[in-house]
N, C-alpha and C. Protein backbone atom coordinates (compact mmCIF):
# COMPACT_ATOMS: atom_id res chain seq x y z
N MET A 1 65.27 -21.97 123.80
CA MET A 1 64.67 -23.27 123.92
C MET A 1 65.78 -24.31 123.89
N VAL A 2 65.68 -25.31 124.76
CA VAL A 2 66.61 -26.44 124.76
C VAL A 2 65.80 -27.68 124.44
N GLU A 3 66.29 -28.47 123.50
CA GLU A 3 65.55 -29.66 123.07
C GLU A 3 66.51 -30.83 122.92
N PRO A 4 66.22 -31.97 123.56
CA PRO A 4 67.02 -33.16 123.30
C PRO A 4 66.65 -33.72 121.93
N LEU A 5 67.64 -34.13 121.17
CA LEU A 5 67.40 -34.70 119.86
C LEU A 5 67.57 -36.21 119.93
N THR A 6 67.19 -36.90 118.88
CA THR A 6 67.26 -38.35 118.84
C THR A 6 68.69 -38.82 119.03
N GLU A 7 68.85 -39.86 119.83
CA GLU A 7 70.17 -40.45 120.04
C GLU A 7 70.60 -41.15 118.75
N LYS A 8 71.85 -40.96 118.38
CA LYS A 8 72.38 -41.56 117.17
C LYS A 8 73.18 -42.82 117.54
N SER A 9 73.00 -43.86 116.78
CA SER A 9 73.80 -45.07 116.97
C SER A 9 74.67 -45.23 115.73
N THR A 10 75.83 -44.63 115.81
CA THR A 10 76.70 -44.60 114.64
C THR A 10 78.15 -44.56 115.09
N ASN A 11 79.03 -44.92 114.18
CA ASN A 11 80.46 -44.82 114.44
C ASN A 11 81.04 -43.56 113.82
N ALA A 12 80.18 -42.62 113.46
CA ALA A 12 80.62 -41.38 112.82
C ALA A 12 81.44 -40.56 113.81
N SER A 13 82.32 -39.74 113.26
CA SER A 13 83.12 -38.84 114.09
C SER A 13 82.21 -37.77 114.69
N PRO A 14 82.64 -37.15 115.79
CA PRO A 14 81.83 -36.07 116.37
C PRO A 14 81.54 -34.96 115.37
N ASP A 15 82.52 -34.59 114.54
CA ASP A 15 82.29 -33.55 113.54
C ASP A 15 81.21 -33.95 112.55
N SER A 16 81.26 -35.19 112.07
CA SER A 16 80.26 -35.69 111.13
C SER A 16 78.89 -35.75 111.78
N LEU A 17 78.86 -36.20 113.03
CA LEU A 17 77.60 -36.31 113.75
C LEU A 17 76.96 -34.94 113.95
N LEU A 18 77.76 -33.94 114.33
CA LEU A 18 77.24 -32.58 114.50
C LEU A 18 76.72 -32.02 113.18
N ALA A 19 77.45 -32.24 112.10
CA ALA A 19 77.02 -31.74 110.79
C ALA A 19 75.71 -32.41 110.37
N GLU A 20 75.60 -33.70 110.62
CA GLU A 20 74.38 -34.44 110.27
C GLU A 20 73.18 -33.93 111.07
N VAL A 21 73.38 -33.71 112.35
CA VAL A 21 72.30 -33.22 113.22
C VAL A 21 71.88 -31.82 112.78
N ALA A 22 72.84 -30.96 112.48
CA ALA A 22 72.53 -29.58 112.08
C ALA A 22 71.72 -29.54 110.79
N LYS A 23 72.01 -30.44 109.85
CA LYS A 23 71.26 -30.46 108.59
C LYS A 23 69.87 -31.05 108.78
N ALA A 24 69.76 -32.08 109.62
CA ALA A 24 68.46 -32.74 109.82
C ALA A 24 67.52 -31.92 110.69
N ALA A 25 68.04 -31.16 111.63
CA ALA A 25 67.21 -30.44 112.59
C ALA A 25 66.59 -29.17 112.03
N ASN A 26 67.20 -28.60 110.98
CA ASN A 26 66.70 -27.34 110.43
C ASN A 26 67.05 -27.29 108.95
N VAL A 27 66.05 -27.18 108.09
CA VAL A 27 66.28 -27.21 106.65
C VAL A 27 66.51 -25.82 106.04
N ASN A 28 66.50 -24.78 106.86
CA ASN A 28 66.75 -23.44 106.35
C ASN A 28 68.21 -23.30 105.92
N ALA A 29 68.48 -22.25 105.15
CA ALA A 29 69.84 -22.01 104.65
C ALA A 29 70.80 -21.71 105.79
N HIS A 30 71.97 -22.34 105.74
CA HIS A 30 73.03 -22.07 106.72
C HIS A 30 73.74 -20.79 106.31
N VAL A 31 73.82 -19.84 107.22
CA VAL A 31 74.52 -18.59 106.95
C VAL A 31 75.94 -18.66 107.48
N HIS A 32 76.10 -19.30 108.64
CA HIS A 32 77.40 -19.36 109.29
C HIS A 32 77.43 -20.56 110.23
N GLU A 33 78.58 -21.22 110.30
CA GLU A 33 78.78 -22.32 111.24
C GLU A 33 80.07 -22.07 112.01
N GLN A 34 80.05 -22.44 113.30
CA GLN A 34 81.23 -22.27 114.14
C GLN A 34 81.32 -23.45 115.10
N GLU A 35 82.45 -24.17 115.05
CA GLU A 35 82.68 -25.23 116.01
C GLU A 35 83.09 -24.60 117.33
N LEU A 36 82.63 -25.17 118.42
CA LEU A 36 83.01 -24.66 119.72
C LEU A 36 82.92 -25.77 120.76
N GLU A 37 83.40 -25.47 121.92
CA GLU A 37 83.28 -26.37 123.06
C GLU A 37 82.41 -25.68 124.08
N LEU A 38 81.44 -26.41 124.59
CA LEU A 38 80.51 -25.84 125.55
C LEU A 38 80.57 -26.69 126.82
N ASN A 39 81.25 -26.15 127.82
CA ASN A 39 81.42 -26.86 129.08
C ASN A 39 81.97 -28.27 128.90
N GLY A 40 83.02 -28.37 128.09
CA GLY A 40 83.70 -29.64 127.88
C GLY A 40 83.05 -30.54 126.85
N ARG A 41 82.01 -30.10 126.20
CA ARG A 41 81.30 -30.90 125.20
C ARG A 41 81.49 -30.30 123.82
N ARG A 42 81.61 -31.17 122.80
CA ARG A 42 81.69 -30.71 121.42
C ARG A 42 80.38 -30.04 121.04
N ALA A 43 80.47 -28.95 120.32
CA ALA A 43 79.26 -28.22 119.93
C ALA A 43 79.49 -27.55 118.57
N LEU A 44 78.38 -27.22 117.94
CA LEU A 44 78.40 -26.52 116.66
C LEU A 44 77.32 -25.45 116.70
N ARG A 45 77.72 -24.22 116.45
CA ARG A 45 76.76 -23.10 116.38
C ARG A 45 76.45 -22.86 114.91
N VAL A 46 75.16 -22.82 114.58
CA VAL A 46 74.74 -22.63 113.20
C VAL A 46 73.75 -21.48 113.15
N ARG A 47 74.03 -20.52 112.29
CA ARG A 47 73.10 -19.42 112.03
C ARG A 47 72.34 -19.77 110.77
N TYR A 48 71.02 -19.69 110.84
CA TYR A 48 70.15 -20.01 109.72
C TYR A 48 69.41 -18.74 109.27
N ARG A 49 68.95 -18.76 108.02
CA ARG A 49 68.10 -17.68 107.50
C ARG A 49 66.91 -18.33 106.81
N THR A 50 65.71 -17.86 107.18
CA THR A 50 64.49 -18.39 106.56
C THR A 50 64.27 -17.71 105.21
N CYS A 51 63.30 -18.18 104.46
CA CYS A 51 63.02 -17.57 103.15
C CYS A 51 62.53 -16.13 103.28
N SER A 52 61.96 -15.77 104.45
CA SER A 52 61.53 -14.39 104.67
C SER A 52 62.69 -13.50 105.14
N GLY A 53 63.86 -14.10 105.34
CA GLY A 53 65.03 -13.34 105.77
C GLY A 53 65.27 -13.36 107.26
N GLN A 54 64.35 -13.91 108.02
CA GLN A 54 64.50 -13.99 109.47
C GLN A 54 65.70 -14.86 109.83
N GLN A 55 66.36 -14.53 110.93
CA GLN A 55 67.50 -15.32 111.38
C GLN A 55 67.12 -16.14 112.60
N MET A 56 67.82 -17.26 112.74
CA MET A 56 67.73 -18.07 113.95
C MET A 56 69.09 -18.72 114.14
N GLU A 57 69.36 -19.07 115.39
CA GLU A 57 70.64 -19.68 115.70
C GLU A 57 70.40 -20.90 116.56
N SER A 58 71.09 -21.98 116.21
CA SER A 58 71.02 -23.19 117.00
C SER A 58 72.42 -23.60 117.38
N VAL A 59 72.57 -24.05 118.63
CA VAL A 59 73.82 -24.63 119.09
C VAL A 59 73.51 -26.10 119.37
N TYR A 60 74.23 -26.97 118.68
CA TYR A 60 74.07 -28.41 118.85
C TYR A 60 75.21 -28.90 119.73
N VAL A 61 74.86 -29.60 120.80
CA VAL A 61 75.84 -30.06 121.78
C VAL A 61 75.80 -31.58 121.82
N LEU A 62 76.99 -32.21 121.78
CA LEU A 62 77.08 -33.66 121.86
C LEU A 62 77.44 -34.10 123.26
N SER A 63 76.80 -35.17 123.69
CA SER A 63 77.16 -35.86 124.93
C SER A 63 77.09 -37.34 124.59
N GLY A 64 78.24 -37.92 124.26
CA GLY A 64 78.25 -39.28 123.75
C GLY A 64 77.54 -39.30 122.41
N LEU A 65 76.52 -40.14 122.28
CA LEU A 65 75.75 -40.20 121.04
C LEU A 65 74.46 -39.39 121.14
N LYS A 66 74.26 -38.70 122.24
CA LYS A 66 73.08 -37.85 122.39
C LYS A 66 73.43 -36.44 121.95
N ALA A 67 72.46 -35.81 121.33
CA ALA A 67 72.64 -34.43 120.89
C ALA A 67 71.51 -33.58 121.47
N PHE A 68 71.86 -32.34 121.78
CA PHE A 68 70.90 -31.37 122.29
C PHE A 68 70.96 -30.14 121.41
N LYS A 69 69.82 -29.50 121.25
CA LYS A 69 69.75 -28.27 120.46
C LYS A 69 69.31 -27.14 121.38
N ILE A 70 70.08 -26.06 121.37
CA ILE A 70 69.73 -24.84 122.10
C ILE A 70 69.48 -23.79 121.03
N GLU A 71 68.30 -23.19 121.04
CA GLU A 71 67.91 -22.35 119.91
C GLU A 71 67.49 -20.95 120.36
N PHE A 72 67.82 -19.99 119.51
CA PHE A 72 67.41 -18.61 119.70
C PHE A 72 66.94 -18.09 118.35
N SER A 73 65.79 -17.42 118.33
CA SER A 73 65.33 -16.85 117.06
C SER A 73 64.73 -15.47 117.31
N GLY A 74 64.75 -14.67 116.28
CA GLY A 74 64.20 -13.33 116.36
C GLY A 74 62.96 -13.23 115.50
N ASP A 75 62.20 -12.20 115.72
CA ASP A 75 61.00 -11.95 114.93
C ASP A 75 61.23 -10.75 114.03
N LEU A 76 60.38 -10.60 113.04
CA LEU A 76 60.43 -9.40 112.22
C LEU A 76 60.05 -8.21 113.08
N SER A 77 60.61 -7.07 112.79
CA SER A 77 60.28 -5.87 113.54
C SER A 77 58.84 -5.44 113.23
N GLU A 78 58.34 -4.50 113.98
CA GLU A 78 56.98 -3.99 113.73
C GLU A 78 56.85 -3.39 112.33
N GLN A 79 57.95 -2.90 111.80
CA GLN A 79 57.94 -2.34 110.45
C GLN A 79 58.10 -3.41 109.39
N GLY A 80 58.24 -4.68 109.80
CA GLY A 80 58.40 -5.77 108.85
C GLY A 80 59.82 -5.96 108.36
N THR A 81 60.77 -5.27 108.98
CA THR A 81 62.17 -5.42 108.57
C THR A 81 62.81 -6.57 109.34
N VAL A 82 63.85 -7.12 108.76
CA VAL A 82 64.59 -8.22 109.37
C VAL A 82 65.74 -7.62 110.18
N GLU A 83 65.82 -8.01 111.43
CA GLU A 83 66.87 -7.50 112.31
C GLU A 83 67.86 -8.63 112.61
N PRO A 84 69.16 -8.33 112.64
CA PRO A 84 70.13 -9.35 113.04
C PRO A 84 69.87 -9.78 114.49
N LEU A 85 70.17 -11.03 114.81
CA LEU A 85 69.93 -11.53 116.16
C LEU A 85 70.65 -10.72 117.22
N GLU A 86 71.82 -10.21 116.88
CA GLU A 86 72.60 -9.45 117.86
C GLU A 86 71.92 -8.17 118.32
N THR A 87 70.94 -7.68 117.57
CA THR A 87 70.25 -6.45 117.96
C THR A 87 69.17 -6.68 119.00
N PHE A 88 68.79 -7.93 119.24
CA PHE A 88 67.78 -8.24 120.24
C PHE A 88 68.40 -8.18 121.63
N GLY A 89 67.75 -7.48 122.54
CA GLY A 89 68.29 -7.32 123.89
C GLY A 89 68.52 -8.63 124.61
N ASN A 90 67.70 -9.63 124.34
CA ASN A 90 67.87 -10.89 125.05
C ASN A 90 68.88 -11.83 124.39
N TYR A 91 69.51 -11.42 123.30
CA TYR A 91 70.54 -12.25 122.67
C TYR A 91 71.74 -12.41 123.59
N GLN A 92 72.12 -11.34 124.26
CA GLN A 92 73.25 -11.43 125.20
C GLN A 92 72.92 -12.36 126.37
N ILE A 93 71.67 -12.35 126.79
CA ILE A 93 71.24 -13.26 127.86
C ILE A 93 71.34 -14.70 127.36
N TYR A 94 70.90 -14.95 126.16
CA TYR A 94 71.02 -16.27 125.54
C TYR A 94 72.48 -16.73 125.54
N LEU A 95 73.40 -15.85 125.14
CA LEU A 95 74.82 -16.22 125.11
C LEU A 95 75.33 -16.57 126.51
N ARG A 96 74.89 -15.84 127.52
CA ARG A 96 75.28 -16.16 128.90
C ARG A 96 74.67 -17.48 129.34
N MET A 97 73.43 -17.73 128.93
CA MET A 97 72.78 -18.99 129.28
C MET A 97 73.50 -20.18 128.65
N LEU A 98 74.01 -20.01 127.45
CA LEU A 98 74.76 -21.09 126.81
C LEU A 98 75.91 -21.57 127.70
N GLN A 99 76.57 -20.62 128.34
CA GLN A 99 77.72 -20.97 129.17
C GLN A 99 77.34 -21.78 130.40
N THR A 100 76.06 -21.79 130.77
CA THR A 100 75.64 -22.54 131.95
C THR A 100 75.07 -23.91 131.60
N PHE A 101 74.94 -24.23 130.30
CA PHE A 101 74.36 -25.50 129.88
C PHE A 101 75.25 -26.66 130.29
N ARG A 102 74.68 -27.62 130.98
CA ARG A 102 75.41 -28.80 131.45
C ARG A 102 74.63 -30.06 131.10
N VAL A 103 75.38 -31.09 130.73
CA VAL A 103 74.82 -32.43 130.54
C VAL A 103 75.56 -33.32 131.52
N PRO A 104 74.83 -33.91 132.49
CA PRO A 104 75.53 -34.75 133.48
C PRO A 104 76.08 -36.03 132.84
N ASP A 105 77.24 -36.46 133.31
CA ASP A 105 77.80 -37.73 132.87
C ASP A 105 76.97 -38.85 133.49
N ARG A 106 76.83 -39.92 132.77
CA ARG A 106 76.06 -41.06 133.30
C ARG A 106 76.97 -42.14 133.77
């Protein structure tokens, strides 16, 4: 899922803005964070864990003061066990899709 987030009107640094967006967009526990560049745009990948143990991953991308969230989440298995996101067959597709994400310059 790709979702545009609220435009921020701030003088905050890109790192601060990404951290603020990541905390406001998802209140679940942060398991891992990784700064990255996505097609020339600053981005932050955050792995979250819900109280049931389920994992989800969001990549927040900055374009000026606009932020976008690209999200991938997994479900509990049929046996009720929690599976890492990497075990889902479509996780690799998600990673390839990330590389195609573009925000046009205005």
